[in-house]
Protein backbone atom coordinates (compact mmCIF):
# COMPACT_ATOMS: atom_id res chain seq x y z
CA MET A 1 87.86 -30.49 209.47
CA GLU A 2 88.77 -30.79 213.07
CA THR A 3 86.83 -34.06 213.42
CA LEU A 4 89.14 -35.75 210.93
CA GLN A 5 92.06 -35.23 213.31
CA LYS A 6 90.56 -37.10 216.18
CA LYS A 7 92.65 -40.01 217.10
CA SER A 8 89.74 -41.63 218.93
CA LEU A 9 88.04 -41.98 215.49
CA PHE A 10 90.94 -42.54 213.15
CA TRP A 11 93.49 -44.26 215.31
CA ASP A 12 94.72 -46.39 212.44
CA THR A 13 95.13 -43.64 209.82
CA SER A 14 97.69 -40.79 209.44
CA GLU A 15 95.84 -38.90 206.80
CA ILE A 16 92.37 -39.09 205.39
CA ASP A 17 90.56 -37.15 202.72
CA PRO A 18 86.94 -36.59 203.76
CA GLN A 19 85.65 -36.56 200.19
CA LYS A 20 87.50 -39.61 198.83
CA ASN A 21 86.90 -41.57 202.04
CA GLU A 22 83.21 -40.49 202.76
CA HIS A 23 81.83 -43.90 203.49
CA PHE A 24 84.79 -44.77 205.87
CA VAL A 25 84.58 -41.41 207.68
CA ILE A 26 80.78 -41.68 208.17
CA GLU A 27 81.09 -45.29 209.39
CA ARG A 28 83.62 -44.35 212.01
CA ILE A 29 81.48 -41.42 213.17
CA LEU A 30 78.44 -43.47 213.43
CA ASN A 31 80.32 -46.24 215.35
CA PHE A 32 82.62 -44.21 217.65
CA GLY A 33 81.81 -40.59 217.33
CA ASP A 34 80.09 -38.21 219.70
CA GLU A 35 77.39 -35.51 219.05
CA THR A 36 79.98 -33.05 217.77
CA ASP A 37 81.26 -35.51 215.24
CA PHE A 38 77.75 -36.43 214.05
CA ASN A 39 76.84 -32.82 213.65
CA TRP A 40 79.97 -32.29 211.55
CA ALA A 41 79.09 -35.26 209.39
CA ILE A 42 75.56 -33.93 208.76
CA LYS A 43 76.92 -30.53 207.88
CA GLN A 44 79.67 -31.89 205.65
CA TYR A 45 77.69 -34.62 203.85
CA GLY A 46 74.03 -34.08 204.43
CA GLU A 47 71.53 -36.24 206.25
CA LYS A 48 70.49 -38.30 203.30
CA THR A 49 74.11 -39.18 202.52
CA VAL A 50 74.73 -40.18 206.17
CA GLU A 51 71.56 -42.33 206.22
CA LYS A 52 72.41 -43.94 202.83
CA ASN A 53 75.90 -44.86 204.36
CA LEU A 54 74.25 -46.16 207.48
CA LEU A 55 72.16 -48.73 205.38
CA THR A 56 75.12 -49.83 203.27
CA SER A 57 77.63 -50.16 205.97
CA ASN A 58 79.36 -53.50 206.65
CA SER A 59 81.18 -52.48 209.79
CA LEU A 60 78.69 -50.84 212.11
CA SER A 61 78.14 -52.67 215.43
CA ASN A 62 74.67 -54.10 215.92
CA LYS A 63 74.22 -51.59 218.82
CA SER A 64 75.20 -48.62 216.56
CA LEU A 65 73.00 -49.88 213.75
CA ASN A 66 70.04 -50.14 215.96
CA PHE A 67 70.51 -46.73 217.48
CA TRP A 68 70.92 -44.91 214.20
CA CYS A 69 67.99 -46.68 212.57
CA HIS A 70 65.80 -45.47 215.48
CA PHE A 71 67.39 -42.03 215.34
CA PHE A 72 66.62 -41.67 211.48
CA ASN A 73 63.21 -43.27 212.12
CA LEU A 74 63.91 -45.86 209.48
CA LYS A 75 61.61 -48.89 209.00
CA LYS A 76 62.39 -51.79 211.13
CA GLU A 77 62.50 -54.19 208.17
CA LEU A 78 65.02 -52.03 206.29
CA CYS A 79 67.46 -52.00 209.21
CA LEU A 80 66.84 -55.61 210.18
CA SER A 81 67.48 -56.87 206.66
CA ASN A 82 70.90 -55.03 206.52
CA GLN A 83 71.79 -56.46 209.96
CA LEU A 84 70.81 -60.04 208.98
CA ALA A 85 72.65 -59.77 205.70
CA ARG A 86 75.81 -58.76 207.53
CA GLU A 87 75.37 -61.66 210.03
CA ARG A 88 74.90 -64.24 207.34
CA GLY A 89 78.28 -63.49 205.84
CA ALA A 90 79.59 -63.53 202.25
CA PHE A 91 78.45 -67.06 201.37
CA TRP A 92 74.74 -66.21 202.05
CA LYS A 93 74.48 -63.15 199.89
CA LYS A 94 72.63 -63.23 196.66
């Protein structure tokens, strides 16, 4: 649970529950975390859960999204469709 105390990851929160806020925690780690944080997330949530959150994230930077899609060896189309959907905005979603 040491990761959850890092001010560099959670500068805008005073208290966070890693179970209730799983998506938020994983997004922050994928966007701003280091190797230790990532390893903690994999241990805490499992690789499939981290991957699933990656693909449903709305707040990952394009740089982070691209890196993690390559890291998890995800199909380019899958990551690209997520990225394009985020860029189009709310009015373009089906």
